[in-house]
Amino acid sequence: MPTRNFVHVSARVFRELRRDYRTMTLFIISPALVQIVLYGMLSTHPNTYNRCGLIVMGLFPSAPTFLFAAFMVHRERHSGTMEHLLTTPVARADIVLGYIVGFTLPAIVQVAISFAITYGILGIDVAGPWWTVGLLAMLNSVLGVGIGLFATNLVRTEFQLVLTLPVLGVPHLSLSGLFRPYNEMVGWQHAIATFLPWRYAVGALAELKDHTTVNATLLFNAAVTAGICVLLFTVAVQTVFRRRTA
C-alpha cells in the first residue's frame, strides 16, 4: 500500500525534470507546437481540423510522458539509483504514485498552454466543454506514464528504447481512431484496435466533438482507459520496481 513517502519520490522526479530545462521546455510546449502545425495543414478544412485537433489536444500529452518516464526509469535502473531507492522504507507503490504525481505537475502546465493556444488562438470549435477535454488529457498523460514504465521491460539499452516509439507508437496511432473511426475499420483493424489503449482514449475524446454533455460511450471509454492505467502500474510494481540483486 502507498504511504506519504510518494511525496518525496514525486519531488525527486520533478527536480530531475526541472534540472534539465531543455527537457522540461520540450515537455511543456510540444503539444502546442503540434497543434499549430496541425492547424497549418488543415486550416482550409475546418471540420477535419476540429476533429483531429480535439483528439490531438487530448491524446498528445501521453506521448511526452511516455518518453520521459521511460528514459528516467531506464537510467535509474542502470545507474543503481533505483536499487538504492528500493533499499529504503519507500514502498514500490510509493514509487509508482510518485512518478504519476511528478509528471502530472508539469503536464498541467503543458495542457494549459496547449488549450490556451488551441481554443484562444486557433479557434477550435467542438461541442464538448473544455474542462472535460482537459480531464481526459490528464488521464491520457497518466496513461503515457504507464506505457513508458511498461516499455522499460522490453528494452536493455536507450537506443532500443528510442526505437519503441515508432515501433509501438506509429501502428498504435494509426489504429487508434484518429485517422479512421473505430466503427469504420475493416475486420482485422477492428480486432487489433480493440486491444490498444489509445483506441479507448480517442473514443472518449471523439464523443466531445458533437456532444455537449458526457454520455455513456465517453464514460465507458474513459473507464477502460483508467482500467488500463491501473493494469500497467500493477505490472510496473511487480516488474520494473523490484530489486534485481541479492
C-alpha atoms as a PDB file:
ATOM      1  CA  MET A   1       0.000   0.000   0.000  1.00  0.00           C
ATOM      2  CA  PRO A   2       1.262   3.526  -0.772  1.00  0.00           C
ATOM      3  CA  THR A   3       2.292   5.836   2.081  1.00  0.00           C
ATOM      4  CA  ARG A   4       3.143   9.522   2.271  1.00  0.00           C
ATOM      5  CA  ASN A   5       6.632   8.692   1.025  1.00  0.00           C
ATOM      6  CA  PHE A   6       5.303   9.132  -2.517  1.00  0.00           C
ATOM      7  CA  VAL A   7       5.548  12.892  -1.917  1.00  0.00           C
ATOM      8  CA  HIS A   8       9.330  12.620  -1.633  1.00  0.00           C
ATOM      9  CA  VAL A   9       9.520  10.454  -4.755  1.00  0.00           C
ATOM     10  CA  SER A  10       7.389  12.865  -6.774  1.00  0.00           C
ATOM     11  CA  ALA A  11       9.511  15.792  -5.585  1.00  0.00           C
ATOM     12  CA  ARG A  12      12.652  13.960  -6.737  1.00  0.00           C
ATOM     13  CA  VAL A  13      11.117  13.261 -10.148  1.00  0.00           C
ATOM     14  CA  PHE A  14      10.105  16.891 -10.502  1.00  0.00           C
ATOM     15  CA  ARG A  15      13.600  18.068  -9.513  1.00  0.00           C
ATOM     16  CA  GLU A  16      15.130  15.839 -12.176  1.00  0.00           C
ATOM     17  CA  LEU A  17      12.839  17.314 -14.814  1.00  0.00           C
ATOM     18  CA  ARG A  18      13.495  20.876 -13.647  1.00  0.00           C
ATOM     19  CA  ARG A  19      17.257  20.334 -13.640  1.00  0.00           C
ATOM     20  CA  ASP A  20      17.207  19.676 -17.389  1.00  0.00           C
ATOM     21  CA  TYR A  21      15.464  22.841 -18.565  1.00  0.00           C
ATOM     22  CA  ARG A  22      15.600  21.764 -22.209  1.00  0.00           C
ATOM     23  CA  THR A  23      13.711  18.583 -21.425  1.00  0.00           C
ATOM     24  CA  MET A  24      11.175  20.489 -19.351  1.00  0.00           C
ATOM     25  CA  THR A  25      10.675  23.050 -22.136  1.00  0.00           C
ATOM     26  CA  LEU A  26      10.166  20.320 -24.724  1.00  0.00           C
ATOM     27  CA  PHE A  27       7.793  18.518 -22.376  1.00  0.00           C
ATOM     28  CA  ILE A  28       5.629  21.606 -21.894  1.00  0.00           C
ATOM     29  CA  ILE A  29       5.482  23.151 -25.364  1.00  0.00           C
ATOM     30  CA  SER A  30       5.489  20.108 -27.649  1.00  0.00           C
ATOM     31  CA  PRO A  31       1.668  19.608 -27.714  1.00  0.00           C
ATOM     32  CA  ALA A  32       1.101  23.284 -28.523  1.00  0.00           C
ATOM     33  CA  LEU A  33       3.620  23.111 -31.385  1.00  0.00           C
ATOM     34  CA  VAL A  34       1.897  20.036 -32.799  1.00  0.00           C
ATOM     35  CA  GLN A  35      -1.437  21.866 -32.683  1.00  0.00           C
ATOM     36  CA  ILE A  36      -0.012  24.828 -34.592  1.00  0.00           C
ATOM     37  CA  VAL A  37       1.436  22.537 -37.271  1.00  0.00           C
ATOM     38  CA  LEU A  38      -1.846  20.627 -37.499  1.00  0.00           C
ATOM     39  CA  TYR A  39      -3.801  23.854 -37.895  1.00  0.00           C
ATOM     40  CA  GLY A  40      -1.459  24.964 -40.680  1.00  0.00           C
ATOM     41  CA  MET A  41      -2.111  21.706 -42.510  1.00  0.00           C
ATOM     42  CA  LEU A  42      -5.906  21.621 -42.033  1.00  0.00           C
ATOM     43  CA  SER A  43      -6.931  25.291 -41.760  1.00  0.00           C
ATOM     44  CA  THR A  44      -8.797  25.065 -45.089  1.00  0.00           C
ATOM     45  CA  HIS A  45     -10.740  22.035 -43.782  1.00  0.00           C
ATOM     46  CA  PRO A  46     -12.205  23.290 -40.501  1.00  0.00           C
ATOM     47  CA  ASN A  47     -14.370  20.243 -39.786  1.00  0.00           C
ATOM     48  CA  THR A  48     -11.397  17.908 -40.174  1.00  0.00           C
ATOM     49  CA  TYR A  49      -9.242  20.176 -38.009  1.00  0.00           C
ATOM     50  CA  ASN A  50     -11.901  20.325 -35.289  1.00  0.00           C
ATOM     51  CA  ARG A  51     -11.961  16.521 -35.094  1.00  0.00           C
ATOM     52  CA  CYS A  52      -8.226  15.895 -35.366  1.00  0.00           C
ATOM     53  CA  GLY A  53      -7.315  18.918 -33.251  1.00  0.00           C
ATOM     54  CA  LEU A  54      -9.612  17.759 -30.459  1.00  0.00           C
ATOM     55  CA  ILE A  55      -8.100  14.273 -30.433  1.00  0.00           C
ATOM     56  CA  VAL A  56      -4.513  15.536 -30.607  1.00  0.00           C
ATOM     57  CA  MET A  57      -5.222  18.082 -27.870  1.00  0.00           C
ATOM     58  CA  GLY A  58      -6.454  15.370 -25.528  1.00  0.00           C
ATOM     59  CA  LEU A  59      -4.236  12.473 -26.602  1.00  0.00           C
ATOM     60  CA  PHE A  60      -0.836  14.025 -27.308  1.00  0.00           C
ATOM     61  CA  PRO A  61       0.090  14.596 -23.624  1.00  0.00           C
ATOM     62  CA  SER A  62       0.569  10.832 -23.359  1.00  0.00           C
ATOM     63  CA  ALA A  63       3.490  10.925 -25.833  1.00  0.00           C
ATOM     64  CA  PRO A  64       5.997  13.075 -23.881  1.00  0.00           C
ATOM     65  CA  THR A  65       5.079  11.472 -20.553  1.00  0.00           C
ATOM     66  CA  PHE A  66       5.694   8.068 -22.153  1.00  0.00           C
ATOM     67  CA  LEU A  67       9.122   9.092 -23.396  1.00  0.00           C
ATOM     68  CA  PHE A  68      10.367  10.921 -20.326  1.00  0.00           C
ATOM     69  CA  ALA A  69       9.048   8.361 -17.843  1.00  0.00           C
ATOM     70  CA  ALA A  70      10.622   5.527 -19.822  1.00  0.00           C
ATOM     71  CA  PHE A  71      14.015   7.244 -20.110  1.00  0.00           C
ATOM     72  CA  MET A  72      14.079   8.317 -16.466  1.00  0.00           C
ATOM     73  CA  VAL A  73      13.262   4.841 -15.143  1.00  0.00           C
ATOM     74  CA  HIS A  74      15.689   3.185 -17.576  1.00  0.00           C
ATOM     75  CA  ARG A  75      18.549   5.429 -16.460  1.00  0.00           C
ATOM     76  CA  GLU A  76      17.767   4.987 -12.777  1.00  0.00           C
ATOM     77  CA  ARG A  77      17.646   1.213 -13.117  1.00  0.00           C
ATOM     78  CA  HIS A  78      21.012   1.081 -14.866  1.00  0.00           C
ATOM     79  CA  SER A  79      22.731   3.704 -12.709  1.00  0.00           C
ATOM     80  CA  GLY A  80      21.841   1.939  -9.464  1.00  0.00           C
ATOM     81  CA  THR A  81      19.599   4.748  -8.230  1.00  0.00           C
ATOM     82  CA  MET A  82      16.537   2.526  -8.358  1.00  0.00           C
ATOM     83  CA  GLU A  83      18.273  -0.249  -6.421  1.00  0.00           C
ATOM     84  CA  HIS A  84      19.279   2.251  -3.741  1.00  0.00           C
ATOM     85  CA  LEU A  85      15.744   3.635  -3.549  1.00  0.00           C
ATOM     86  CA  LEU A  86      14.305   0.142  -3.120  1.00  0.00           C
ATOM     87  CA  THR A  87      16.516  -0.450  -0.079  1.00  0.00           C
ATOM     88  CA  THR A  88      14.818   2.446   1.729  1.00  0.00           C
ATOM     89  CA  PRO A  89      11.449   2.263   3.528  1.00  0.00           C
ATOM     90  CA  VAL A  90       9.767   3.599   0.365  1.00  0.00           C
ATOM     91  CA  ALA A  91       7.230   1.086  -0.944  1.00  0.00           C
ATOM     92  CA  ARG A  92       7.082   0.191  -4.616  1.00  0.00           C
ATOM     93  CA  ALA A  93       3.572   1.630  -4.779  1.00  0.00           C
ATOM     94  CA  ASP A  94       5.031   4.907  -3.459  1.00  0.00           C
ATOM     95  CA  ILE A  95       7.457   4.985  -6.374  1.00  0.00           C
ATOM     96  CA  VAL A  96       4.692   4.422  -8.936  1.00  0.00           C
ATOM     97  CA  LEU A  97       2.462   7.061  -7.365  1.00  0.00           C
ATOM     98  CA  GLY A  98       5.434   9.399  -7.085  1.00  0.00           C
ATOM     99  CA  TYR A  99       6.112   9.111 -10.810  1.00  0.00           C
ATOM    100  CA  ILE A 100       2.459   9.779 -11.599  1.00  0.00           C
ATOM    101  CA  VAL A 101       2.347  12.918  -9.435  1.00  0.00           C
ATOM    102  CA  GLY A 102       5.809  14.061 -10.543  1.00  0.00           C
ATOM    103  CA  PHE A 103       4.802  14.062 -14.195  1.00  0.00           C
ATOM    104  CA  THR A 104       1.292  15.361 -13.548  1.00  0.00           C
ATOM    105  CA  LEU A 105       2.515  18.740 -12.264  1.00  0.00           C
ATOM    106  CA  PRO A 106       4.294  19.788 -15.498  1.00  0.00           C
ATOM    107  CA  ALA A 107       1.533  18.070 -17.503  1.00  0.00           C
ATOM    108  CA  ILE A 108      -0.969  20.545 -16.025  1.00  0.00           C
ATOM    109  CA  VAL A 109       1.113  23.425 -17.388  1.00  0.00           C
ATOM    110  CA  GLN A 110       1.527  21.583 -20.681  1.00  0.00           C
ATOM    111  CA  VAL A 111      -2.222  21.104 -21.102  1.00  0.00           C
ATOM    112  CA  ALA A 112      -2.974  24.692 -20.029  1.00  0.00           C
ATOM    113  CA  ILE A 113      -0.661  26.147 -22.702  1.00  0.00           C
ATOM    114  CA  SER A 114      -1.955  23.769 -25.361  1.00  0.00           C
ATOM    115  CA  PHE A 115      -5.568  24.632 -24.548  1.00  0.00           C
ATOM    116  CA  ALA A 116      -4.905  28.374 -24.462  1.00  0.00           C
ATOM    117  CA  ILE A 117      -3.421  28.255 -27.959  1.00  0.00           C
ATOM    118  CA  THR A 118      -5.920  25.791 -29.410  1.00  0.00           C
ATOM    119  CA  TYR A 119      -9.070  27.406 -28.020  1.00  0.00           C
ATOM    120  CA  GLY A 120      -7.887  31.004 -27.833  1.00  0.00           C
ATOM    121  CA  ILE A 121      -5.719  31.485 -30.935  1.00  0.00           C
ATOM    122  CA  LEU A 122      -6.509  28.641 -33.321  1.00  0.00           C
ATOM    123  CA  GLY A 123     -10.227  28.767 -32.537  1.00  0.00           C
ATOM    124  CA  ILE A 124     -11.081  25.090 -32.436  1.00  0.00           C
ATOM    125  CA  ASP A 125     -14.843  24.542 -32.446  1.00  0.00           C
ATOM    126  CA  VAL A 126     -16.113  21.458 -30.603  1.00  0.00           C
ATOM    127  CA  ALA A 127     -19.342  20.851 -28.709  1.00  0.00           C
ATOM    128  CA  GLY A 128     -17.874  19.360 -25.540  1.00  0.00           C
ATOM    129  CA  PRO A 129     -16.787  21.589 -22.633  1.00  0.00           C
ATOM    130  CA  TRP A 130     -13.073  22.371 -22.430  1.00  0.00           C
ATOM    131  CA  TRP A 131     -12.770  21.111 -18.859  1.00  0.00           C
ATOM    132  CA  THR A 132     -13.937  17.638 -19.902  1.00  0.00           C
ATOM    133  CA  VAL A 133     -11.304  17.579 -22.637  1.00  0.00           C
ATOM    134  CA  GLY A 134      -8.786  18.712 -20.007  1.00  0.00           C
ATOM    135  CA  LEU A 135      -9.665  15.886 -17.638  1.00  0.00           C
ATOM    136  CA  LEU A 136      -9.283  13.350 -20.433  1.00  0.00           C
ATOM    137  CA  ALA A 137      -5.946  14.917 -21.388  1.00  0.00           C
ATOM    138  CA  MET A 138      -4.703  14.494 -17.817  1.00  0.00           C
ATOM    139  CA  LEU A 139      -5.928  10.893 -17.780  1.00  0.00           C
ATOM    140  CA  ASN A 140      -4.020  10.274 -21.001  1.00  0.00           C
ATOM    141  CA  SER A 141      -0.866  11.819 -19.564  1.00  0.00           C
ATOM    142  CA  VAL A 142      -1.106   9.264 -16.755  1.00  0.00           C
ATOM    143  CA  LEU A 143      -1.644   6.572 -19.399  1.00  0.00           C
ATOM    144  CA  GLY A 144       1.576   7.727 -21.055  1.00  0.00           C
ATOM    145  CA  VAL A 145       3.482   7.236 -17.802  1.00  0.00           C
ATOM    146  CA  GLY A 146       2.083   3.724 -17.514  1.00  0.00           C
ATOM    147  CA  ILE A 147       3.043   2.814 -21.082  1.00  0.00           C
ATOM    148  CA  GLY A 148       6.504   4.282 -20.527  1.00  0.00           C
ATOM    149  CA  LEU A 149       7.078   2.208 -17.398  1.00  0.00           C
ATOM    150  CA  PHE A 150       5.856  -0.913 -19.159  1.00  0.00           C
ATOM    151  CA  ALA A 151       8.125  -0.256 -22.158  1.00  0.00           C
ATOM    152  CA  THR A 152      11.233  -0.376 -19.955  1.00  0.00           C
ATOM    153  CA  ASN A 153      10.591  -4.107 -19.501  1.00  0.00           C
ATOM    154  CA  LEU A 154      11.056  -4.646 -23.240  1.00  0.00           C
ATOM    155  CA  VAL A 155      14.465  -2.993 -23.728  1.00  0.00           C
ATOM    156  CA  ARG A 156      18.022  -3.145 -22.417  1.00  0.00           C
ATOM    157  CA  THR A 157      19.568  -0.023 -23.943  1.00  0.00           C
ATOM    158  CA  GLU A 158      18.480   3.565 -24.550  1.00  0.00           C
ATOM    159  CA  PHE A 159      18.798   3.001 -28.292  1.00  0.00           C
ATOM    160  CA  GLN A 160      16.256   0.195 -28.084  1.00  0.00           C
ATOM    161  CA  LEU A 161      14.048   2.488 -26.022  1.00  0.00           C
ATOM    162  CA  VAL A 162      14.137   5.145 -28.740  1.00  0.00           C
ATOM    163  CA  LEU A 163      13.051   2.510 -31.259  1.00  0.00           C
ATOM    164  CA  THR A 164       9.990   1.606 -29.188  1.00  0.00           C
ATOM    165  CA  LEU A 165       8.352   4.943 -30.044  1.00  0.00           C
ATOM    166  CA  PRO A 166       7.990   4.314 -33.805  1.00  0.00           C
ATOM    167  CA  VAL A 167       7.574   0.557 -33.361  1.00  0.00           C
ATOM    168  CA  LEU A 168       4.765   0.888 -30.815  1.00  0.00           C
ATOM    169  CA  GLY A 169       3.571   4.418 -31.432  1.00  0.00           C
ATOM    170  CA  VAL A 170       3.048   4.585 -35.200  1.00  0.00           C
ATOM    171  CA  PRO A 171       0.848   1.474 -35.641  1.00  0.00           C
ATOM    172  CA  HIS A 172      -0.855   2.255 -32.340  1.00  0.00           C
ATOM    173  CA  LEU A 173      -1.725   5.772 -33.520  1.00  0.00           C
ATOM    174  CA  SER A 174      -2.772   4.519 -36.952  1.00  0.00           C
ATOM    175  CA  LEU A 175      -5.357   2.177 -35.416  1.00  0.00           C
ATOM    176  CA  SER A 176      -6.407   4.465 -32.574  1.00  0.00           C
ATOM    177  CA  GLY A 177      -9.262   6.065 -34.492  1.00  0.00           C
ATOM    178  CA  LEU A 178      -7.512   9.345 -35.233  1.00  0.00           C
ATOM    179  CA  PHE A 179      -7.436   8.779 -38.996  1.00  0.00           C
ATOM    180  CA  ARG A 180     -10.383   6.425 -39.318  1.00  0.00           C
ATOM    181  CA  PRO A 181     -13.161   5.983 -36.743  1.00  0.00           C
ATOM    182  CA  TYR A 182     -13.105   2.683 -34.895  1.00  0.00           C
ATOM    183  CA  ASN A 183     -16.551   1.596 -36.135  1.00  0.00           C
ATOM    184  CA  GLU A 184     -15.480   2.154 -39.769  1.00  0.00           C
ATOM    185  CA  MET A 185     -12.365  -0.043 -39.627  1.00  0.00           C
ATOM    186  CA  VAL A 186     -12.172  -3.301 -41.554  1.00  0.00           C
ATOM    187  CA  GLY A 187     -12.237  -6.608 -39.694  1.00  0.00           C
ATOM    188  CA  TRP A 188      -8.543  -7.119 -38.848  1.00  0.00           C
ATOM    189  CA  GLN A 189      -8.049  -3.451 -37.968  1.00  0.00           C
ATOM    190  CA  HIS A 190     -11.114  -3.519 -35.757  1.00  0.00           C
ATOM    191  CA  ALA A 191      -9.866  -6.646 -33.976  1.00  0.00           C
ATOM    192  CA  ILE A 192      -6.384  -5.254 -33.298  1.00  0.00           C
ATOM    193  CA  ALA A 193      -7.668  -1.834 -32.238  1.00  0.00           C
ATOM    194  CA  THR A 194      -9.844  -3.459 -29.580  1.00  0.00           C
ATOM    195  CA  PHE A 195      -6.697  -4.243 -27.562  1.00  0.00           C
ATOM    196  CA  LEU A 196      -4.956  -0.871 -27.997  1.00  0.00           C
ATOM    197  CA  PRO A 197      -5.102   1.654 -25.109  1.00  0.00           C
ATOM    198  CA  TRP A 198      -5.229   4.721 -27.359  1.00  0.00           C
ATOM    199  CA  ARG A 199      -8.318   3.380 -29.133  1.00  0.00           C
ATOM    200  CA  TYR A 200     -10.331   3.988 -25.945  1.00  0.00           C
ATOM    201  CA  ALA A 201      -8.682   7.342 -25.255  1.00  0.00           C
ATOM    202  CA  VAL A 202      -9.534   8.520 -28.775  1.00  0.00           C
ATOM    203  CA  GLY A 203     -13.034   7.072 -28.473  1.00  0.00           C
ATOM    204  CA  ALA A 204     -13.710   9.143 -25.367  1.00  0.00           C
ATOM    205  CA  LEU A 205     -12.373  12.348 -26.949  1.00  0.00           C
ATOM    206  CA  ALA A 206     -14.262  11.843 -30.217  1.00  0.00           C
ATOM    207  CA  GLU A 207     -17.567  11.931 -28.329  1.00  0.00           C
ATOM    208  CA  LEU A 208     -16.920  15.553 -27.353  1.00  0.00           C
ATOM    209  CA  LYS A 209     -16.835  16.830 -30.925  1.00  0.00           C
ATOM    210  CA  ASP A 210     -20.607  16.681 -31.357  1.00  0.00           C
ATOM    211  CA  HIS A 211     -21.937  16.115 -27.819  1.00  0.00           C
ATOM    212  CA  THR A 212     -22.192  18.874 -25.246  1.00  0.00           C
ATOM    213  CA  THR A 213     -22.572  16.517 -22.295  1.00  0.00           C
ATOM    214  CA  VAL A 214     -20.876  13.387 -21.037  1.00  0.00           C
ATOM    215  CA  ASN A 215     -22.599  10.292 -22.416  1.00  0.00           C
ATOM    216  CA  ALA A 216     -22.369   6.562 -21.768  1.00  0.00           C
ATOM    217  CA  THR A 217     -19.895   5.931 -24.598  1.00  0.00           C
ATOM    218  CA  LEU A 218     -17.498   8.533 -23.242  1.00  0.00           C
ATOM    219  CA  LEU A 219     -17.760   7.133 -19.726  1.00  0.00           C
ATOM    220  CA  PHE A 220     -17.134   3.595 -20.967  1.00  0.00           C
ATOM    221  CA  ASN A 221     -14.036   4.570 -22.931  1.00  0.00           C
ATOM    222  CA  ALA A 222     -12.697   6.691 -20.078  1.00  0.00           C
ATOM    223  CA  ALA A 223     -13.293   3.849 -17.610  1.00  0.00           C
ATOM    224  CA  VAL A 224     -11.451   1.374 -19.842  1.00  0.00           C
ATOM    225  CA  THR A 225      -8.554   3.840 -20.188  1.00  0.00           C
ATOM    226  CA  ALA A 226      -8.388   4.206 -16.410  1.00  0.00           C
ATOM    227  CA  GLY A 227      -8.501   0.424 -16.049  1.00  0.00           C
ATOM    228  CA  ILE A 228      -5.591   0.043 -18.469  1.00  0.00           C
ATOM    229  CA  CYS A 229      -3.634   2.569 -16.397  1.00  0.00           C
ATOM    230  CA  VAL A 230      -4.246   0.515 -13.258  1.00  0.00           C
ATOM    231  CA  LEU A 231      -3.168  -2.670 -15.059  1.00  0.00           C
ATOM    232  CA  LEU A 232       0.035  -1.072 -16.395  1.00  0.00           C
ATOM    233  CA  PHE A 233       1.001   0.313 -12.994  1.00  0.00           C
ATOM    234  CA  THR A 234       0.259  -3.019 -11.329  1.00  0.00           C
ATOM    235  CA  VAL A 235       2.622  -4.711 -13.779  1.00  0.00           C
ATOM    236  CA  ALA A 236       5.224  -1.983 -13.152  1.00  0.00           C
ATOM    237  CA  VAL A 237       5.087  -2.566  -9.401  1.00  0.00           C
ATOM    238  CA  GLN A 238       5.828  -6.266  -9.911  1.00  0.00           C
ATOM    239  CA  THR A 239       8.433  -5.961 -12.677  1.00  0.00           C
ATOM    240  CA  VAL A 240      10.046  -2.529 -13.024  1.00  0.00           C
ATOM    241  CA  PHE A 241      10.229  -1.559  -9.365  1.00  0.00           C
ATOM    242  CA  ARG A 242      11.722  -4.641  -7.825  1.00  0.00           C
ATOM    243  CA  ARG A 243      15.179  -5.399  -6.542  1.00  0.00           C
ATOM    244  CA  ARG A 244      17.418  -7.220  -9.012  1.00  0.00           C
ATOM    245  CA  THR A 245      20.281  -8.020  -6.672  1.00  0.00           C
ATOM    246  CA  ALA A 246      20.512 -10.073  -3.511  1.00  0.00           C
END
